[in-house]
Amino acid sequence: AKCVGGGWISKWRSTYTDVEVARPKIKLEDFEDKTGQNIDTTYMTSELERRMSTSGVFEMVTEAPHFVAHGRLLRLAERGKGGARISVYTAVLDLHDPATNKRAYGCEATVQGEL
């Protein structure tokens, strides 16, 4: 929810005269696994795309996007609490301007538990 509806959308919409119509066109690239655990990120990518599509805030496209979204999955640590081992992951989503390939917006969310 943080990445899908973060504050960046209001900032982006403010550049358009009709904010009700302005929906950023997003091309979502596959997540990159940076955990060292060979995690299949296909589910994460498809679930994020589904949530972005159904939010009504974005238009998911394959061509002519306003932004290209690049995701990375990082593993922060393993913690032992009461003998249980819990992995802590961070998903980072960066939106790049396709004309310049520069990062325009980004967000991250932390998840505890096994993926």
N, C-alpha and C. Protein backbone atom coordinates (compact mmCIF):
# COMPACT_ATOMS: atom_id res chain seq x y z
N ALA A 1 0.82 -1.19 0.00
CA ALA A 1 0.00 0.00 0.00
C ALA A 1 0.87 1.26 0.00
N LYS A 2 1.98 1.21 0.70
CA LYS A 2 2.87 2.37 0.77
C LYS A 2 3.41 2.73 -0.61
N CYS A 3 3.82 1.72 -1.35
CA CYS A 3 4.39 1.97 -2.67
C CYS A 3 3.31 2.30 -3.70
N VAL A 4 2.16 1.69 -3.55
CA VAL A 4 1.10 1.91 -4.52
C VAL A 4 0.45 3.28 -4.34
N GLY A 5 0.27 3.70 -3.10
CA GLY A 5 -0.44 4.96 -2.87
C GLY A 5 0.36 6.00 -2.12
N GLY A 6 1.67 5.95 -2.24
CA GLY A 6 2.51 6.89 -1.51
C GLY A 6 2.30 8.34 -1.93
N GLY A 7 2.88 9.26 -1.19
CA GLY A 7 2.71 10.68 -1.43
C GLY A 7 3.22 11.19 -2.77
N TRP A 8 4.04 10.42 -3.45
CA TRP A 8 4.60 10.89 -4.72
C TRP A 8 3.52 11.12 -5.78
N ILE A 9 2.43 10.37 -5.69
CA ILE A 9 1.39 10.49 -6.71
C ILE A 9 0.76 11.88 -6.71
N SER A 10 0.57 12.45 -5.52
CA SER A 10 0.01 13.81 -5.43
C SER A 10 0.95 14.82 -6.05
N LYS A 11 2.23 14.65 -5.82
CA LYS A 11 3.23 15.54 -6.40
C LYS A 11 3.21 15.44 -7.92
N TRP A 12 3.14 14.22 -8.43
CA TRP A 12 3.12 14.02 -9.88
C TRP A 12 1.86 14.61 -10.48
N ARG A 13 0.71 14.36 -9.85
CA ARG A 13 -0.56 14.87 -10.36
C ARG A 13 -0.61 16.39 -10.39
N SER A 14 0.10 17.03 -9.47
CA SER A 14 0.06 18.50 -9.40
C SER A 14 0.65 19.15 -10.65
N THR A 15 1.34 18.39 -11.48
CA THR A 15 1.90 18.94 -12.71
C THR A 15 0.87 18.94 -13.85
N TYR A 16 -0.32 18.38 -13.59
CA TYR A 16 -1.38 18.31 -14.59
C TYR A 16 -2.54 19.21 -14.16
N THR A 17 -3.21 19.80 -15.11
CA THR A 17 -4.33 20.70 -14.79
C THR A 17 -5.56 19.93 -14.30
N ASP A 18 -5.81 18.75 -14.84
CA ASP A 18 -6.96 17.95 -14.44
C ASP A 18 -6.47 16.73 -13.67
N VAL A 19 -6.41 16.86 -12.35
CA VAL A 19 -5.86 15.78 -11.53
C VAL A 19 -6.75 14.55 -11.49
N GLU A 20 -8.02 14.69 -11.85
CA GLU A 20 -8.91 13.54 -11.86
C GLU A 20 -8.59 12.61 -13.03
N VAL A 21 -8.07 13.16 -14.09
CA VAL A 21 -7.75 12.36 -15.27
C VAL A 21 -6.33 11.82 -15.22
N ALA A 22 -5.46 12.57 -14.58
CA ALA A 22 -4.03 12.22 -14.58
C ALA A 22 -3.77 10.92 -13.83
N ARG A 23 -3.43 9.89 -14.57
CA ARG A 23 -3.01 8.61 -13.99
C ARG A 23 -1.67 8.27 -14.63
N PRO A 24 -0.64 8.13 -13.83
CA PRO A 24 0.66 7.81 -14.42
C PRO A 24 0.64 6.43 -15.09
N LYS A 25 1.23 6.38 -16.27
CA LYS A 25 1.38 5.13 -16.99
C LYS A 25 2.67 4.48 -16.52
N ILE A 26 2.55 3.27 -15.97
CA ILE A 26 3.69 2.57 -15.37
C ILE A 26 3.98 1.29 -16.14
N LYS A 27 5.23 1.11 -16.47
CA LYS A 27 5.70 -0.18 -17.00
C LYS A 27 6.49 -0.83 -15.87
N LEU A 28 6.00 -1.97 -15.40
CA LEU A 28 6.63 -2.65 -14.26
C LEU A 28 7.58 -3.72 -14.75
N GLU A 29 8.84 -3.56 -14.41
CA GLU A 29 9.86 -4.56 -14.71
C GLU A 29 9.86 -5.61 -13.59
N ASP A 30 10.44 -6.77 -13.84
CA ASP A 30 10.52 -7.80 -12.81
C ASP A 30 11.39 -7.33 -11.65
N PHE A 31 11.05 -7.81 -10.45
CA PHE A 31 11.88 -7.53 -9.28
C PHE A 31 13.21 -8.26 -9.42
N GLU A 32 14.24 -7.67 -8.86
CA GLU A 32 15.57 -8.27 -8.84
C GLU A 32 15.81 -8.82 -7.44
N ASP A 33 16.19 -10.09 -7.37
CA ASP A 33 16.47 -10.73 -6.09
C ASP A 33 17.90 -10.40 -5.66
N LYS A 34 18.03 -9.59 -4.60
CA LYS A 34 19.34 -9.23 -4.07
C LYS A 34 19.57 -9.88 -2.70
N THR A 35 18.77 -10.92 -2.40
CA THR A 35 18.85 -11.56 -1.09
C THR A 35 19.94 -12.61 -1.01
N GLY A 36 20.37 -13.12 -2.14
CA GLY A 36 21.33 -14.23 -2.15
C GLY A 36 20.66 -15.57 -1.89
N GLN A 37 19.32 -15.60 -1.90
CA GLN A 37 18.58 -16.83 -1.61
C GLN A 37 17.87 -17.40 -2.83
N ASN A 38 18.13 -16.86 -3.99
CA ASN A 38 17.48 -17.32 -5.23
C ASN A 38 15.96 -17.37 -5.12
N ILE A 39 15.38 -16.30 -4.63
CA ILE A 39 13.93 -16.21 -4.48
C ILE A 39 13.32 -15.92 -5.85
N ASP A 40 12.24 -16.64 -6.14
CA ASP A 40 11.49 -16.38 -7.38
C ASP A 40 10.62 -15.16 -7.14
N THR A 41 10.94 -14.07 -7.76
CA THR A 41 10.23 -12.81 -7.53
C THR A 41 9.04 -12.63 -8.48
N THR A 42 8.71 -13.65 -9.25
CA THR A 42 7.60 -13.57 -10.20
C THR A 42 6.29 -13.24 -9.49
N TYR A 43 6.04 -13.92 -8.37
CA TYR A 43 4.81 -13.66 -7.63
C TYR A 43 4.75 -12.22 -7.14
N MET A 44 5.84 -11.72 -6.58
CA MET A 44 5.87 -10.36 -6.07
C MET A 44 5.59 -9.36 -7.19
N THR A 45 6.19 -9.56 -8.34
CA THR A 45 5.98 -8.68 -9.48
C THR A 45 4.52 -8.72 -9.94
N SER A 46 3.97 -9.92 -10.09
CA SER A 46 2.59 -10.04 -10.58
C SER A 46 1.59 -9.50 -9.55
N GLU A 47 1.84 -9.71 -8.27
CA GLU A 47 0.93 -9.21 -7.23
C GLU A 47 0.97 -7.69 -7.18
N LEU A 48 2.14 -7.09 -7.28
CA LEU A 48 2.25 -5.64 -7.28
C LEU A 48 1.54 -5.06 -8.51
N GLU A 49 1.73 -5.67 -9.66
CA GLU A 49 1.06 -5.19 -10.86
C GLU A 49 -0.46 -5.29 -10.73
N ARG A 50 -0.93 -6.37 -10.14
CA ARG A 50 -2.37 -6.54 -9.92
C ARG A 50 -2.91 -5.44 -9.00
N ARG A 51 -2.20 -5.18 -7.92
CA ARG A 51 -2.65 -4.16 -6.97
C ARG A 51 -2.61 -2.76 -7.59
N MET A 52 -1.59 -2.51 -8.36
CA MET A 52 -1.49 -1.20 -9.01
C MET A 52 -2.62 -1.03 -10.03
N SER A 53 -2.93 -2.09 -10.76
CA SER A 53 -3.99 -2.05 -11.77
C SER A 53 -5.35 -1.82 -11.14
N THR A 54 -5.63 -2.54 -10.05
CA THR A 54 -6.95 -2.45 -9.43
C THR A 54 -7.11 -1.20 -8.55
N SER A 55 -6.03 -0.50 -8.28
CA SER A 55 -6.12 0.70 -7.44
C SER A 55 -6.87 1.83 -8.13
N GLY A 56 -6.88 1.82 -9.46
CA GLY A 56 -7.50 2.90 -10.22
C GLY A 56 -6.66 4.16 -10.27
N VAL A 57 -5.49 4.11 -9.66
CA VAL A 57 -4.60 5.27 -9.60
C VAL A 57 -3.59 5.25 -10.75
N PHE A 58 -3.27 4.06 -11.21
CA PHE A 58 -2.24 3.89 -12.24
C PHE A 58 -2.83 3.25 -13.49
N GLU A 59 -2.14 3.43 -14.59
CA GLU A 59 -2.45 2.70 -15.81
C GLU A 59 -1.21 1.87 -16.11
N MET A 60 -1.35 0.56 -16.07
CA MET A 60 -0.23 -0.32 -16.33
C MET A 60 -0.11 -0.53 -17.84
N VAL A 61 1.07 -0.25 -18.38
CA VAL A 61 1.29 -0.30 -19.82
C VAL A 61 2.57 -1.06 -20.13
N THR A 62 2.72 -1.42 -21.39
CA THR A 62 3.96 -2.02 -21.86
C THR A 62 4.73 -1.07 -22.78
N GLU A 63 4.03 -0.04 -23.29
CA GLU A 63 4.66 0.93 -24.18
C GLU A 63 4.30 2.35 -23.76
N ALA A 64 5.16 3.29 -24.07
CA ALA A 64 4.97 4.72 -23.81
C ALA A 64 4.63 5.04 -22.36
N PRO A 65 5.40 4.52 -21.39
CA PRO A 65 5.09 4.81 -19.99
C PRO A 65 5.59 6.19 -19.56
N HIS A 66 4.96 6.72 -18.51
CA HIS A 66 5.50 7.91 -17.85
C HIS A 66 6.71 7.50 -17.00
N PHE A 67 6.62 6.28 -16.42
CA PHE A 67 7.68 5.76 -15.56
C PHE A 67 7.89 4.28 -15.82
N VAL A 68 9.14 3.85 -15.66
CA VAL A 68 9.48 2.43 -15.66
C VAL A 68 9.82 2.08 -14.22
N ALA A 69 9.12 1.11 -13.66
CA ALA A 69 9.31 0.72 -12.26
C ALA A 69 10.30 -0.43 -12.17
N HIS A 70 11.35 -0.24 -11.37
CA HIS A 70 12.36 -1.26 -11.12
C HIS A 70 12.29 -1.63 -9.64
N GLY A 71 12.14 -2.91 -9.35
CA GLY A 71 12.07 -3.35 -7.97
C GLY A 71 13.25 -4.20 -7.58
N ARG A 72 13.62 -4.11 -6.31
CA ARG A 72 14.68 -4.95 -5.76
C ARG A 72 14.18 -5.52 -4.43
N LEU A 73 14.53 -6.77 -4.18
CA LEU A 73 14.21 -7.40 -2.92
C LEU A 73 15.51 -7.63 -2.17
N LEU A 74 15.60 -7.05 -0.98
CA LEU A 74 16.80 -7.14 -0.15
C LEU A 74 16.48 -7.92 1.11
N ARG A 75 17.45 -8.67 1.59
CA ARG A 75 17.30 -9.37 2.86
C ARG A 75 18.15 -8.64 3.88
N LEU A 76 17.49 -8.12 4.91
CA LEU A 76 18.20 -7.31 5.89
C LEU A 76 18.93 -8.16 6.92
N ALA A 77 18.23 -9.12 7.50
CA ALA A 77 18.84 -9.89 8.58
C ALA A 77 17.94 -11.05 8.96
N GLU A 78 18.48 -11.91 9.77
CA GLU A 78 17.67 -12.93 10.42
C GLU A 78 17.75 -12.65 11.90
N ARG A 79 16.62 -12.71 12.55
CA ARG A 79 16.60 -12.46 13.99
C ARG A 79 16.08 -13.70 14.71
N GLY A 80 16.67 -13.96 15.84
CA GLY A 80 16.18 -15.05 16.66
C GLY A 80 15.43 -14.49 17.84
N LYS A 81 14.13 -14.67 17.88
CA LYS A 81 13.31 -14.17 18.98
C LYS A 81 12.56 -15.35 19.57
N GLY A 82 12.89 -15.67 20.77
CA GLY A 82 12.27 -16.82 21.39
C GLY A 82 12.62 -18.11 20.67
N GLY A 83 13.78 -18.15 20.04
CA GLY A 83 14.23 -19.33 19.32
C GLY A 83 13.77 -19.38 17.87
N ALA A 84 12.81 -18.53 17.51
CA ALA A 84 12.31 -18.52 16.13
C ALA A 84 13.22 -17.68 15.26
N ARG A 85 13.42 -18.14 14.05
CA ARG A 85 14.22 -17.38 13.10
C ARG A 85 13.26 -16.68 12.14
N ILE A 86 13.37 -15.39 12.08
CA ILE A 86 12.50 -14.60 11.21
C ILE A 86 13.36 -13.80 10.26
N SER A 87 13.12 -13.96 8.99
CA SER A 87 13.84 -13.17 7.99
C SER A 87 13.16 -11.82 7.84
N VAL A 88 13.96 -10.81 7.65
CA VAL A 88 13.45 -9.45 7.44
C VAL A 88 13.86 -9.03 6.03
N TYR A 89 12.87 -8.69 5.22
CA TYR A 89 13.11 -8.32 3.84
C TYR A 89 12.66 -6.88 3.60
N THR A 90 13.30 -6.24 2.66
CA THR A 90 12.87 -4.92 2.22
C THR A 90 12.67 -4.97 0.71
N ALA A 91 11.49 -4.53 0.29
CA ALA A 91 11.20 -4.40 -1.14
C ALA A 91 11.35 -2.93 -1.49
N VAL A 92 12.17 -2.65 -2.48
CA VAL A 92 12.42 -1.28 -2.93
C VAL A 92 11.86 -1.14 -4.33
N LEU A 93 11.07 -0.10 -4.55
CA LEU A 93 10.51 0.16 -5.87
C LEU A 93 10.92 1.56 -6.30
N ASP A 94 11.64 1.65 -7.40
CA ASP A 94 12.07 2.93 -7.94
C ASP A 94 11.39 3.18 -9.27
N LEU A 95 10.87 4.39 -9.43
CA LEU A 95 10.24 4.79 -10.69
C LEU A 95 11.23 5.68 -11.44
N HIS A 96 11.58 5.25 -12.64
CA HIS A 96 12.55 5.96 -13.46
C HIS A 96 11.86 6.64 -14.63
N ASP A 97 12.36 7.81 -14.98
CA ASP A 97 11.91 8.52 -16.17
C ASP A 97 12.48 7.77 -17.37
N PRO A 98 11.64 7.26 -18.28
CA PRO A 98 12.17 6.47 -19.40
C PRO A 98 13.02 7.29 -20.37
N ALA A 99 12.84 8.60 -20.41
CA ALA A 99 13.62 9.44 -21.33
C ALA A 99 15.06 9.61 -20.84
N THR A 100 15.23 9.70 -19.52
CA THR A 100 16.57 9.96 -18.96
C THR A 100 17.13 8.79 -18.18
N ASN A 101 16.28 7.82 -17.83
CA ASN A 101 16.61 6.68 -16.98
C ASN A 101 17.02 7.12 -15.57
N LYS A 102 16.67 8.34 -15.18
CA LYS A 102 16.96 8.83 -13.84
C LYS A 102 15.80 8.50 -12.91
N ARG A 103 16.14 8.23 -11.67
CA ARG A 103 15.14 7.92 -10.65
C ARG A 103 14.30 9.17 -10.37
N ALA A 104 12.99 9.03 -10.50
CA ALA A 104 12.09 10.15 -10.25
C ALA A 104 11.42 10.04 -8.88
N TYR A 105 10.99 8.84 -8.52
CA TYR A 105 10.33 8.59 -7.24
C TYR A 105 10.73 7.20 -6.76
N GLY A 106 10.52 6.95 -5.50
CA GLY A 106 10.82 5.63 -4.96
C GLY A 106 10.15 5.41 -3.62
N CYS A 107 10.09 4.16 -3.23
CA CYS A 107 9.55 3.81 -1.92
C CYS A 107 10.11 2.47 -1.53
N GLU A 108 9.96 2.16 -0.24
CA GLU A 108 10.36 0.84 0.22
C GLU A 108 9.43 0.40 1.33
N ALA A 109 9.30 -0.92 1.44
CA ALA A 109 8.46 -1.51 2.46
C ALA A 109 9.20 -2.70 3.05
N THR A 110 9.11 -2.87 4.35
CA THR A 110 9.78 -3.95 5.05
C THR A 110 8.76 -5.02 5.42
N VAL A 111 9.16 -6.27 5.21
CA VAL A 111 8.29 -7.41 5.50
C VAL A 111 9.06 -8.37 6.39
N GLN A 112 8.43 -8.85 7.45
CA GLN A 112 9.05 -9.85 8.30
C GLN A 112 8.38 -11.19 8.04
N GLY A 113 9.17 -12.23 8.01
CA GLY A 113 8.64 -13.57 7.82
C GLY A 113 9.24 -14.22 6.60
N GLU A 114 8.85 -15.42 6.35
CA GLU A 114 9.38 -16.18 5.23
C GLU A 114 8.63 -15.86 3.96
N LEU A 115 9.35 -15.73 2.89
CA LEU A 115 8.73 -15.50 1.59
C LEU A 115 8.62 -16.81 0.85
